[in-house]
C-alpha atoms as a PDB file:
ATOM      1  CA  UNK A   1       9.224  10.863  12.471  1.00  0.00           C
ATOM      2  CA  UNK A   2       7.708  14.138  11.259  1.00  0.00           C
ATOM      3  CA  UNK A   3       4.882  14.712   8.783  1.00  0.00           C
ATOM      4  CA  UNK A   4       4.020  18.427   8.404  1.00  0.00           C
ATOM      5  CA  UNK A   5       2.998  19.255  12.010  1.00  0.00           C
ATOM      6  CA  UNK A   6       2.616  15.707  13.363  1.00  0.00           C
ATOM      7  CA  UNK A   7       5.566  14.293  15.328  1.00  0.00           C
ATOM      8  CA  UNK A   8       5.943  10.603  16.110  1.00  0.00           C
ATOM      9  CA  UNK A   9       8.501   9.922  18.838  1.00  0.00           C
ATOM     10  CA  UNK A  10       9.920   6.570  19.953  1.00  0.00           C
ATOM     11  CA  UNK A  11      11.675   6.325  23.311  1.00  0.00           C
ATOM     12  CA  UNK A  12      13.064   3.647  25.621  1.00  0.00           C
ATOM     13  CA  UNK A  13      12.155   5.490  28.840  1.00  0.00           C
ATOM     14  CA  UNK A  14      10.461   8.769  29.773  1.00  0.00           C
ATOM     15  CA  UNK A  15      11.475   9.679  33.324  1.00  0.00           C
ATOM     16  CA  UNK A  16      12.279  13.301  34.152  1.00  0.00           C
ATOM     17  CA  UNK A  17      15.947  12.914  33.137  1.00  0.00           C
ATOM     18  CA  UNK A  18      15.238  11.207  29.810  1.00  0.00           C
ATOM     19  CA  UNK A  19      16.003  12.630  26.390  1.00  0.00           C
ATOM     20  CA  UNK A  20      12.286  12.340  25.628  1.00  0.00           C
ATOM     21  CA  UNK A  21      11.242  14.677  28.456  1.00  0.00           C
ATOM     22  CA  UNK A  22      14.033  17.125  27.567  1.00  0.00           C
ATOM     23  CA  UNK A  23      12.948  17.195  23.932  1.00  0.00           C
ATOM     24  CA  UNK A  24       9.245  17.637  24.720  1.00  0.00           C
ATOM     25  CA  UNK A  25       9.999  20.448  27.199  1.00  0.00           C
ATOM     26  CA  UNK A  26      12.078  22.375  24.668  1.00  0.00           C
ATOM     27  CA  UNK A  27       9.453  21.800  21.996  1.00  0.00           C
ATOM     28  CA  UNK A  28       6.547  23.055  24.139  1.00  0.00           C
ATOM     29  CA  UNK A  29       8.618  26.029  25.395  1.00  0.00           C
ATOM     30  CA  UNK A  30       9.120  27.265  21.829  1.00  0.00           C
ATOM     31  CA  UNK A  31       5.936  26.121  20.090  1.00  0.00           C
ATOM     32  CA  UNK A  32       2.251  25.671  20.769  1.00  0.00           C
ATOM     33  CA  UNK A  33       2.595  21.895  20.824  1.00  0.00           C
ATOM     34  CA  UNK A  34       0.611  19.223  22.625  1.00  0.00           C
ATOM     35  CA  UNK A  35       1.769  15.831  23.858  1.00  0.00           C
ATOM     36  CA  UNK A  36      -1.149  13.543  22.982  1.00  0.00           C
ATOM     37  CA  UNK A  37       0.256  10.550  24.849  1.00  0.00           C
ATOM     38  CA  UNK A  38       0.724   7.052  23.517  1.00  0.00           C
ATOM     39  CA  UNK A  39      -0.105   6.849  19.823  1.00  0.00           C
ATOM     40  CA  UNK A  40      -3.109   4.840  18.658  1.00  0.00           C
ATOM     41  CA  UNK A  41      -3.793   6.406  15.267  1.00  0.00           C
ATOM     42  CA  UNK A  42      -1.426   8.363  13.053  1.00  0.00           C
ATOM     43  CA  UNK A  43      -2.497   9.638   9.628  1.00  0.00           C
ATOM     44  CA  UNK A  44      -5.182   6.933   9.308  1.00  0.00           C
ATOM     45  CA  UNK A  45      -2.803   4.173  10.405  1.00  0.00           C
ATOM     46  CA  UNK A  46      -4.000   2.366  13.533  1.00  0.00           C
ATOM     47  CA  UNK A  47      -1.160   1.409  15.883  1.00  0.00           C
ATOM     48  CA  UNK A  48      -1.318  -1.017  18.788  1.00  0.00           C
ATOM     49  CA  UNK A  49       1.410  -2.288  21.102  1.00  0.00           C
ATOM     50  CA  UNK A  50       0.351  -5.258  23.199  1.00  0.00           C
ATOM     51  CA  UNK A  51       2.641  -7.692  25.012  1.00  0.00           C
ATOM     52  CA  UNK A  52       5.603  -6.799  22.816  1.00  0.00           C
ATOM     53  CA  UNK A  53       3.689  -7.147  19.555  1.00  0.00           C
ATOM     54  CA  UNK A  54       3.228  -4.037  17.399  1.00  0.00           C
ATOM     55  CA  UNK A  55       0.417  -4.014  14.826  1.00  0.00           C
ATOM     56  CA  UNK A  56      -0.261  -1.519  12.062  1.00  0.00           C
ATOM     57  CA  UNK A  57      -3.527  -1.607  10.121  1.00  0.00           C
ATOM     58  CA  UNK A  58      -6.035   0.675   8.398  1.00  0.00           C
ATOM     59  CA  UNK A  59      -9.407  -0.941   9.016  1.00  0.00           C
ATOM     60  CA  UNK A  60     -11.151   2.376   9.749  1.00  0.00           C
ATOM     61  CA  UNK A  61      -9.699   4.032   6.661  1.00  0.00           C
ATOM     62  CA  UNK A  62     -10.751   1.078   4.497  1.00  0.00           C
ATOM     63  CA  UNK A  63     -14.308   1.252   5.847  1.00  0.00           C
ATOM     64  CA  UNK A  64     -14.442   4.973   4.976  1.00  0.00           C
ATOM     65  CA  UNK A  65     -13.234   4.127   1.470  1.00  0.00           C
ATOM     66  CA  UNK A  66     -16.062   1.663   1.136  1.00  0.00           C
ATOM     67  CA  UNK A  67     -18.637   4.256   2.217  1.00  0.00           C
ATOM     68  CA  UNK A  68     -17.243   6.765  -0.279  1.00  0.00           C
ATOM     69  CA  UNK A  69     -16.641   4.593  -3.330  1.00  0.00           C
ATOM     70  CA  UNK A  70     -19.230   1.840  -2.765  1.00  0.00           C
ATOM     71  CA  UNK A  71     -22.114   3.775  -1.167  1.00  0.00           C
ATOM     72  CA  UNK A  72     -24.526   0.985  -2.049  1.00  0.00           C
ATOM     73  CA  UNK A  73     -22.338  -1.603  -0.338  1.00  0.00           C
ATOM     74  CA  UNK A  74     -20.297  -4.410  -1.840  1.00  0.00           C
ATOM     75  CA  UNK A  75     -22.017  -5.675  -5.020  1.00  0.00           C
ATOM     76  CA  UNK A  76     -23.704  -8.993  -4.340  1.00  0.00           C
ATOM     77  CA  UNK A  77     -23.693 -10.244  -7.914  1.00  0.00           C
ATOM     78  CA  UNK A  78     -21.416 -10.286 -10.931  1.00  0.00           C
ATOM     79  CA  UNK A  79     -18.288 -12.315 -11.594  1.00  0.00           C
ATOM     80  CA  UNK A  80     -16.011  -9.432 -10.617  1.00  0.00           C
ATOM     81  CA  UNK A  81     -17.295  -9.394  -7.051  1.00  0.00           C
ATOM     82  CA  UNK A  82     -18.010 -12.997  -6.184  1.00  0.00           C
ATOM     83  CA  UNK A  83     -16.783 -14.326  -2.853  1.00  0.00           C
ATOM     84  CA  UNK A  84     -14.276 -16.489  -4.716  1.00  0.00           C
ATOM     85  CA  UNK A  85     -12.682 -13.761  -6.836  1.00  0.00           C
ATOM     86  CA  UNK A  86     -12.324 -11.247  -4.018  1.00  0.00           C
ATOM     87  CA  UNK A  87     -10.086 -13.629  -2.093  1.00  0.00           C
ATOM     88  CA  UNK A  88      -7.318 -12.036  -4.144  1.00  0.00           C
ATOM     89  CA  UNK A  89      -6.922  -8.335  -5.063  1.00  0.00           C
ATOM     90  CA  UNK A  90      -6.709  -8.952  -8.822  1.00  0.00           C
ATOM     91  CA  UNK A  91      -7.218 -11.575 -11.504  1.00  0.00           C
ATOM     92  CA  UNK A  92      -5.116 -12.577 -14.539  1.00  0.00           C
ATOM     93  CA  UNK A  93      -7.245 -10.482 -16.900  1.00  0.00           C
ATOM     94  CA  UNK A  94      -6.008  -7.241 -15.308  1.00  0.00           C
ATOM     95  CA  UNK A  95      -2.808  -7.191 -17.409  1.00  0.00           C
ATOM     96  CA  UNK A  96      -4.690  -7.452 -20.703  1.00  0.00           C
ATOM     97  CA  UNK A  97      -7.285  -4.854 -19.669  1.00  0.00           C
ATOM     98  CA  UNK A  98      -4.467  -2.436 -18.811  1.00  0.00           C
ATOM     99  CA  UNK A  99      -2.857  -3.079 -22.217  1.00  0.00           C
ATOM    100  CA  UNK A 100      -6.172  -2.510 -23.995  1.00  0.00           C
ATOM    101  CA  UNK A 101      -6.728   0.783 -22.179  1.00  0.00           C
ATOM    102  CA  UNK A 102      -3.244   2.042 -23.044  1.00  0.00           C
ATOM    103  CA  UNK A 103      -3.697   1.002 -26.675  1.00  0.00           C
ATOM    104  CA  UNK A 104      -7.051   2.744 -27.151  1.00  0.00           C
ATOM    105  CA  UNK A 105      -6.069   5.763 -25.020  1.00  0.00           C
ATOM    106  CA  UNK A 106      -9.675   6.908 -24.981  1.00  0.00           C
ATOM    107  CA  UNK A 107     -10.287   9.683 -22.463  1.00  0.00           C
ATOM    108  CA  UNK A 108     -13.519   9.230 -20.455  1.00  0.00           C
ATOM    109  CA  UNK A 109     -15.757  12.053 -19.303  1.00  0.00           C
ATOM    110  CA  UNK A 110     -14.534  14.214 -16.425  1.00  0.00           C
ATOM    111  CA  UNK A 111     -16.732  12.581 -13.767  1.00  0.00           C
ATOM    112  CA  UNK A 112     -15.622   9.039 -14.619  1.00  0.00           C
ATOM    113  CA  UNK A 113     -11.982  10.127 -14.737  1.00  0.00           C
ATOM    114  CA  UNK A 114     -12.281  11.763 -11.321  1.00  0.00           C
ATOM    115  CA  UNK A 115     -13.991   8.716  -9.793  1.00  0.00           C
ATOM    116  CA  UNK A 116     -11.278   6.366 -11.030  1.00  0.00           C
ATOM    117  CA  UNK A 117      -8.374   8.566 -10.004  1.00  0.00           C
ATOM    118  CA  UNK A 118      -9.914   9.218  -6.594  1.00  0.00           C
ATOM    119  CA  UNK A 119     -10.426   5.502  -5.922  1.00  0.00           C
ATOM    120  CA  UNK A 120      -6.963   4.449  -7.112  1.00  0.00           C
ATOM    121  CA  UNK A 121      -5.383   7.304  -5.167  1.00  0.00           C
ATOM    122  CA  UNK A 122      -7.091   6.075  -1.994  1.00  0.00           C
ATOM    123  CA  UNK A 123      -5.893   2.537  -2.709  1.00  0.00           C
ATOM    124  CA  UNK A 124      -2.311   3.808  -3.079  1.00  0.00           C
ATOM    125  CA  UNK A 125      -2.455   5.102   0.505  1.00  0.00           C
ATOM    126  CA  UNK A 126      -3.152   1.573   1.748  1.00  0.00           C
ATOM    127  CA  UNK A 127      -0.652  -0.071  -0.601  1.00  0.00           C
ATOM    128  CA  UNK A 128       2.208   2.122   0.608  1.00  0.00           C
ATOM    129  CA  UNK A 129       1.448   2.069   4.336  1.00  0.00           C
ATOM    130  CA  UNK A 130       0.153  -1.288   5.580  1.00  0.00           C
ATOM    131  CA  UNK A 131      -0.973  -3.502   2.677  1.00  0.00           C
ATOM    132  CA  UNK A 132       1.880  -4.819   0.518  1.00  0.00           C
ATOM    133  CA  UNK A 133      -0.513  -7.519  -0.729  1.00  0.00           C
ATOM    134  CA  UNK A 134      -2.246  -5.016  -3.041  1.00  0.00           C
ATOM    135  CA  UNK A 135       0.940  -3.305  -4.308  1.00  0.00           C
ATOM    136  CA  UNK A 136       1.001  -5.174  -7.629  1.00  0.00           C
ATOM    137  CA  UNK A 137      -2.668  -4.621  -8.446  1.00  0.00           C
ATOM    138  CA  UNK A 138      -2.576  -0.939  -7.526  1.00  0.00           C
ATOM    139  CA  UNK A 139       0.666  -0.397  -9.446  1.00  0.00           C
ATOM    140  CA  UNK A 140      -0.941  -1.857 -12.561  1.00  0.00           C
ATOM    141  CA  UNK A 141      -4.056   0.307 -12.164  1.00  0.00           C
ATOM    142  CA  UNK A 142      -1.851   3.409 -11.942  1.00  0.00           C
ATOM    143  CA  UNK A 143      -0.478   2.778 -15.427  1.00  0.00           C
ATOM    144  CA  UNK A 144      -3.798   3.780 -16.985  1.00  0.00           C
ATOM    145  CA  UNK A 145      -4.559   6.663 -14.624  1.00  0.00           C
ATOM    146  CA  UNK A 146      -5.349   9.001 -17.543  1.00  0.00           C
ATOM    147  CA  UNK A 147      -7.231   6.414 -19.637  1.00  0.00           C
ATOM    148  CA  UNK A 148      -9.511   4.420 -17.314  1.00  0.00           C
ATOM    149  CA  UNK A 149     -12.122   2.134 -18.817  1.00  0.00           C
ATOM    150  CA  UNK A 150     -15.231   0.610 -17.210  1.00  0.00           C
ATOM    151  CA  UNK A 151     -13.302  -2.676 -16.957  1.00  0.00           C
ATOM    152  CA  UNK A 152     -10.450  -1.012 -15.062  1.00  0.00           C
ATOM    153  CA  UNK A 153     -12.889   0.697 -12.719  1.00  0.00           C
ATOM    154  CA  UNK A 154     -14.323  -2.722 -11.895  1.00  0.00           C
ATOM    155  CA  UNK A 155     -10.782  -3.953 -11.217  1.00  0.00           C
ATOM    156  CA  UNK A 156     -10.229  -1.034  -8.836  1.00  0.00           C
ATOM    157  CA  UNK A 157     -13.513  -1.795  -7.077  1.00  0.00           C
ATOM    158  CA  UNK A 158     -12.447  -5.434  -6.786  1.00  0.00           C
ATOM    159  CA  UNK A 159      -9.294  -4.334  -4.920  1.00  0.00           C
ATOM    160  CA  UNK A 160     -11.493  -2.284  -2.592  1.00  0.00           C
ATOM    161  CA  UNK A 161     -13.856  -5.230  -2.038  1.00  0.00           C
ATOM    162  CA  UNK A 162     -10.823  -7.386  -1.222  1.00  0.00           C
ATOM    163  CA  UNK A 163      -9.652  -4.788   1.314  1.00  0.00           C
ATOM    164  CA  UNK A 164     -13.097  -4.608   2.893  1.00  0.00           C
ATOM    165  CA  UNK A 165     -13.162  -8.390   3.264  1.00  0.00           C
ATOM    166  CA  UNK A 166      -9.680  -8.370   4.847  1.00  0.00           C
ATOM    167  CA  UNK A 167      -9.706  -4.992   6.611  1.00  0.00           C
ATOM    168  CA  UNK A 168      -8.652  -6.591   9.898  1.00  0.00           C
ATOM    169  CA  UNK A 169      -5.309  -7.588   8.342  1.00  0.00           C
ATOM    170  CA  UNK A 170      -2.177  -5.496   8.640  1.00  0.00           C
ATOM    171  CA  UNK A 171       1.474  -5.661   9.622  1.00  0.00           C
ATOM    172  CA  UNK A 172       2.278  -7.551  12.820  1.00  0.00           C
ATOM    173  CA  UNK A 173       5.787  -7.124  14.224  1.00  0.00           C
ATOM    174  CA  UNK A 174       7.113  -9.540  16.854  1.00  0.00           C
ATOM    175  CA  UNK A 175      10.662  -9.145  18.175  1.00  0.00           C
ATOM    176  CA  UNK A 176      13.060 -11.923  17.210  1.00  0.00           C
ATOM    177  CA  UNK A 177      16.759 -12.470  16.494  1.00  0.00           C
ATOM    178  CA  UNK A 178      16.442 -12.987  12.737  1.00  0.00           C
ATOM    179  CA  UNK A 179      18.220 -10.705  10.281  1.00  0.00           C
ATOM    180  CA  UNK A 180      16.419  -8.779   7.564  1.00  0.00           C
ATOM    181  CA  UNK A 181      15.094 -11.079   4.830  1.00  0.00           C
ATOM    182  CA  UNK A 182      14.475  -9.908   1.273  1.00  0.00           C
ATOM    183  CA  UNK A 183      12.611 -11.439  -1.645  1.00  0.00           C
ATOM    184  CA  UNK A 184      12.407 -10.373  -5.276  1.00  0.00           C
ATOM    185  CA  UNK A 185      10.563 -11.495  -8.393  1.00  0.00           C
ATOM    186  CA  UNK A 186       9.552 -10.203 -11.800  1.00  0.00           C
ATOM    187  CA  UNK A 187       6.617 -10.496 -14.159  1.00  0.00           C
ATOM    188  CA  UNK A 188       8.085 -10.566 -17.669  1.00  0.00           C
ATOM    189  CA  UNK A 189       6.233  -8.452 -20.219  1.00  0.00           C
ATOM    190  CA  UNK A 190       6.498  -8.010 -23.992  1.00  0.00           C
ATOM    191  CA  UNK A 191       7.177  -4.299 -23.572  1.00  0.00           C
ATOM    192  CA  UNK A 192       8.381  -3.559 -20.044  1.00  0.00           C
ATOM    193  CA  UNK A 193       8.349  -6.014 -17.189  1.00  0.00           C
ATOM    194  CA  UNK A 194       7.334  -5.502 -13.557  1.00  0.00           C
ATOM    195  CA  UNK A 195       9.729  -5.791 -10.612  1.00  0.00           C
ATOM    196  CA  UNK A 196       8.534  -6.802  -7.178  1.00  0.00           C
ATOM    197  CA  UNK A 197      10.365  -6.848  -3.858  1.00  0.00           C
ATOM    198  CA  UNK A 198       9.674  -7.137  -0.151  1.00  0.00           C
ATOM    199  CA  UNK A 199      11.919  -7.002   2.911  1.00  0.00           C
ATOM    200  CA  UNK A 200      10.893  -8.403   6.278  1.00  0.00           C
ATOM    201  CA  UNK A 201      12.141  -7.686   9.780  1.00  0.00           C
ATOM    202  CA  UNK A 202      10.656  -8.889  13.065  1.00  0.00           C
ATOM    203  CA  UNK A 203       8.357 -11.202  11.086  1.00  0.00           C
ATOM    204  CA  UNK A 204       6.651  -8.489   9.012  1.00  0.00           C
ATOM    205  CA  UNK A 205       7.320  -6.328   5.971  1.00  0.00           C
ATOM    206  CA  UNK A 206       9.277  -3.104   6.442  1.00  0.00           C
ATOM    207  CA  UNK A 207       9.863  -2.226   2.777  1.00  0.00           C
ATOM    208  CA  UNK A 208       8.117  -3.336  -0.401  1.00  0.00           C
ATOM    209  CA  UNK A 209       7.296  -2.250  -3.922  1.00  0.00           C
ATOM    210  CA  UNK A 210       5.930  -3.235  -7.314  1.00  0.00           C
ATOM    211  CA  UNK A 211       7.295  -1.126 -10.151  1.00  0.00           C
ATOM    212  CA  UNK A 212       7.450  -1.126 -13.927  1.00  0.00           C
ATOM    213  CA  UNK A 213      10.995  -1.606 -15.172  1.00  0.00           C
ATOM    214  CA  UNK A 214      12.585   1.325 -17.018  1.00  0.00           C
ATOM    215  CA  UNK A 215      14.021  -0.760 -19.873  1.00  0.00           C
ATOM    216  CA  UNK A 216      12.735  -3.576 -22.095  1.00  0.00           C
ATOM    217  CA  UNK A 217      13.890  -7.028 -20.991  1.00  0.00           C
ATOM    218  CA  UNK A 218      14.495  -9.444 -23.865  1.00  0.00           C
ATOM    219  CA  UNK A 219      13.856 -12.530 -21.727  1.00  0.00           C
ATOM    220  CA  UNK A 220      12.368 -13.569 -18.417  1.00  0.00           C
ATOM    221  CA  UNK A 221      15.925 -14.177 -17.179  1.00  0.00           C
ATOM    222  CA  UNK A 222      16.899 -10.577 -17.936  1.00  0.00           C
ATOM    223  CA  UNK A 223      13.746  -9.307 -16.202  1.00  0.00           C
ATOM    224  CA  UNK A 224      14.700 -11.315 -13.101  1.00  0.00           C
ATOM    225  CA  UNK A 225      18.219  -9.829 -13.128  1.00  0.00           C
ATOM    226  CA  UNK A 226      16.865  -6.283 -13.364  1.00  0.00           C
ATOM    227  CA  UNK A 227      14.478  -6.939 -10.473  1.00  0.00           C
ATOM    228  CA  UNK A 228      17.261  -8.474  -8.377  1.00  0.00           C
ATOM    229  CA  UNK A 229      19.513  -5.487  -9.094  1.00  0.00           C
ATOM    230  CA  UNK A 230      16.891  -3.013  -7.878  1.00  0.00           C
ATOM    231  CA  UNK A 231      16.179  -5.124  -4.795  1.00  0.00           C
ATOM    232  CA  UNK A 232      19.913  -5.280  -4.022  1.00  0.00           C
ATOM    233  CA  UNK A 233      20.069  -1.475  -3.957  1.00  0.00           C
ATOM    234  CA  UNK A 234      17.193  -1.409  -1.474  1.00  0.00           C
ATOM    235  CA  UNK A 235      18.916  -4.087   0.604  1.00  0.00           C
ATOM    236  CA  UNK A 236      22.056  -1.946   0.886  1.00  0.00           C
END
């Protein structure tokens, strides 16, 4: 794997005659590169490999998010941040608050707009790397990226509070003989519905997504078919 100037290399063995050693030698002969040894953190994703179990999580990144976007700490009062509500990343009122924001389309001041977009952007990084459990909530928040309201900012902070309370969670892969398993669902909407999918391998998610459908579904059955079609393409 390569991201700009960071290389992530997987190998089965690394003796002097291995492909790994040959590759690293050629790389360091031509470039000012450094072999940093076994990976433990890559682009704010913490990686551990213990007794055949590989874990990916972002607890440190989530804590930094909390320091940046909740400098006063997790709010101790208010319905939006009670211990009960933050057991899940979002509540049922999120859908209506998104609809209200898109209907009013009122543009907030520059500082509020920047705060919302910065927070949701940071949440996206978790949703796409190690936390499929917040994919739906973050995808919904993205729909009103240009028209955030105070209510939506509270929803975004609730997702962050949920992450802070569960920052030790991540993806845990354990080798087994099972094939890839995929699941799909849809949330039917009056305008455009939402498709959701997740694929698991070695007992953890390897691909997932929550996305607004491109066409209007006339029934919940049609929304399910559209979601299943998109998931089938990912399965292939």
